[in-house]
Amino acid sequence: MPKTWNMSGRWRENDSGDTAAHEIGHMMGLIDRYHGKIPVSDEGWKGNVMGIDDVTNVDERNINEALAVKFNKITKKGDCK
């Protein structure tokens, strides 16, 4: 397995479990929920696994988005039908 990944769901072997969880989110079709040159979590996404914070909780929004991706119910990037 490569040691360097990006938004495709790869991570370095010395990254934290939080980073691995975030990248696995990408593998399930979840998008980043942060922005900026100095990244900050999007409004309402602080502390979420797809945000940029040290605390990485998974919540119902993440599950719904992953299911929507799986069952092709995404209408535009990050929005569920």
C-alpha atoms as a PDB file:
ATOM      1  CA  MET A   1       0.000   0.000   0.000  1.00  0.00           C
ATOM      2  CA  PRO A   2       1.395   3.438  -0.871  1.00  0.00           C
ATOM      3  CA  LYS A   3       2.440   5.579   2.056  1.00  0.00           C
ATOM      4  CA  THR A   4       1.235   8.905   0.615  1.00  0.00           C
ATOM      5  CA  TRP A   5      -2.392   9.560  -0.242  1.00  0.00           C
ATOM      6  CA  ASN A   6      -4.569  12.551  -0.918  1.00  0.00           C
ATOM      7  CA  MET A   7      -8.320  13.137  -1.204  1.00  0.00           C
ATOM      8  CA  SER A   8      -8.618   9.774  -2.961  1.00  0.00           C
ATOM      9  CA  GLY A   9      -8.553   8.109   0.442  1.00  0.00           C
ATOM     10  CA  ARG A  10      -4.875   7.557   1.088  1.00  0.00           C
ATOM     11  CA  TRP A  11      -2.856   8.483   4.138  1.00  0.00           C
ATOM     12  CA  ARG A  12       0.694   8.139   5.468  1.00  0.00           C
ATOM     13  CA  GLU A  13       1.492   5.271   7.801  1.00  0.00           C
ATOM     14  CA  ASN A  14       2.421   7.708  10.600  1.00  0.00           C
ATOM     15  CA  ASP A  15      -0.831   9.743  10.322  1.00  0.00           C
ATOM     16  CA  SER A  16      -3.282   9.680  13.207  1.00  0.00           C
ATOM     17  CA  GLY A  17      -6.386   7.531  13.360  1.00  0.00           C
ATOM     18  CA  ASP A  18      -8.377  10.749  12.858  1.00  0.00           C
ATOM     19  CA  THR A  19      -6.656  11.296   9.509  1.00  0.00           C
ATOM     20  CA  ALA A  20      -7.305   7.695   8.507  1.00  0.00           C
ATOM     21  CA  ALA A  21     -10.997   8.075   9.443  1.00  0.00           C
ATOM     22  CA  HIS A  22     -11.222  11.293   7.386  1.00  0.00           C
ATOM     23  CA  GLU A  23      -9.644   9.632   4.355  1.00  0.00           C
ATOM     24  CA  ILE A  24     -11.898   6.581   4.706  1.00  0.00           C
ATOM     25  CA  GLY A  25     -14.771   9.079   4.584  1.00  0.00           C
ATOM     26  CA  HIS A  26     -13.516  10.098   1.125  1.00  0.00           C
ATOM     27  CA  MET A  27     -13.473   6.440   0.101  1.00  0.00           C
ATOM     28  CA  MET A  28     -17.179   6.340   1.022  1.00  0.00           C
ATOM     29  CA  GLY A  29     -17.846   9.428  -1.105  1.00  0.00           C
ATOM     30  CA  LEU A  30     -17.845  12.093   1.599  1.00  0.00           C
ATOM     31  CA  ILE A  31     -16.488  15.536   0.758  1.00  0.00           C
ATOM     32  CA  ASP A  32     -14.228  17.832   2.766  1.00  0.00           C
ATOM     33  CA  ARG A  33     -16.147  20.118   5.089  1.00  0.00           C
ATOM     34  CA  TYR A  34     -13.443  22.768   5.477  1.00  0.00           C
ATOM     35  CA  HIS A  35     -12.045  25.645   3.448  1.00  0.00           C
ATOM     36  CA  GLY A  36      -9.419  28.358   3.336  1.00  0.00           C
ATOM     37  CA  LYS A  37      -5.694  28.837   2.869  1.00  0.00           C
ATOM     38  CA  ILE A  38      -5.376  28.230   6.607  1.00  0.00           C
ATOM     39  CA  PRO A  39      -8.097  25.569   6.782  1.00  0.00           C
ATOM     40  CA  VAL A  40     -11.091  25.987   9.071  1.00  0.00           C
ATOM     41  CA  SER A  41     -14.140  23.761   9.301  1.00  0.00           C
ATOM     42  CA  ASP A  42     -17.203  24.885   7.362  1.00  0.00           C
ATOM     43  CA  GLU A  43     -19.991  26.402   9.450  1.00  0.00           C
ATOM     44  CA  GLY A  44     -21.786  23.654  11.340  1.00  0.00           C
ATOM     45  CA  TRP A  45     -19.052  21.058  10.696  1.00  0.00           C
ATOM     46  CA  LYS A  46     -16.595  21.829  13.527  1.00  0.00           C
ATOM     47  CA  GLY A  47     -15.638  18.596  15.256  1.00  0.00           C
ATOM     48  CA  ASN A  48     -16.907  16.421  12.396  1.00  0.00           C
ATOM     49  CA  VAL A  49     -14.733  13.739  10.810  1.00  0.00           C
ATOM     50  CA  MET A  50     -14.848  15.573   7.467  1.00  0.00           C
ATOM     51  CA  GLY A  51     -13.910  18.916   9.033  1.00  0.00           C
ATOM     52  CA  ILE A  52     -10.358  19.963   9.901  1.00  0.00           C
ATOM     53  CA  ASP A  53     -10.489  19.770  13.712  1.00  0.00           C
ATOM     54  CA  ASP A  54      -8.640  17.403  16.027  1.00  0.00           C
ATOM     55  CA  VAL A  55     -11.957  15.994  17.279  1.00  0.00           C
ATOM     56  CA  THR A  56     -13.436  13.786  14.595  1.00  0.00           C
ATOM     57  CA  ASN A  57     -16.958  12.676  15.343  1.00  0.00           C
ATOM     58  CA  VAL A  58     -19.146  10.883  12.835  1.00  0.00           C
ATOM     59  CA  ASP A  59     -22.783  11.916  12.857  1.00  0.00           C
ATOM     60  CA  GLU A  60     -26.015  11.197  11.011  1.00  0.00           C
ATOM     61  CA  ARG A  61     -25.133  13.643   8.216  1.00  0.00           C
ATOM     62  CA  ASN A  62     -22.067  11.570   7.338  1.00  0.00           C
ATOM     63  CA  ILE A  63     -24.050   8.334   7.280  1.00  0.00           C
ATOM     64  CA  ASN A  64     -26.832   9.883   5.169  1.00  0.00           C
ATOM     65  CA  GLU A  65     -24.331  11.297   2.676  1.00  0.00           C
ATOM     66  CA  ALA A  66     -22.463   7.980   2.354  1.00  0.00           C
ATOM     67  CA  LEU A  67     -25.753   6.139   1.779  1.00  0.00           C
ATOM     68  CA  ALA A  68     -26.862   8.736  -0.769  1.00  0.00           C
ATOM     69  CA  VAL A  69     -23.593   8.278  -2.668  1.00  0.00           C
ATOM     70  CA  LYS A  70     -23.992   4.496  -2.550  1.00  0.00           C
ATOM     71  CA  PHE A  71     -27.552   4.627  -3.850  1.00  0.00           C
ATOM     72  CA  ASN A  72     -26.917   7.451  -6.375  1.00  0.00           C
ATOM     73  CA  LYS A  73     -29.097  10.007  -4.655  1.00  0.00           C
ATOM     74  CA  ILE A  74     -26.628  12.910  -4.761  1.00  0.00           C
ATOM     75  CA  THR A  75     -28.010  15.816  -6.788  1.00  0.00           C
ATOM     76  CA  LYS A  76     -24.908  18.012  -6.537  1.00  0.00           C
ATOM     77  CA  LYS A  77     -21.652  17.829  -4.618  1.00  0.00           C
ATOM     78  CA  GLY A  78     -22.476  17.092  -1.003  1.00  0.00           C
ATOM     79  CA  ASP A  79     -26.269  17.438  -1.268  1.00  0.00           C
ATOM     80  CA  CYS A  80     -28.626  14.514  -0.770  1.00  0.00           C
ATOM     81  CA  LYS A  81     -32.037  14.223  -2.461  1.00  0.00           C
END
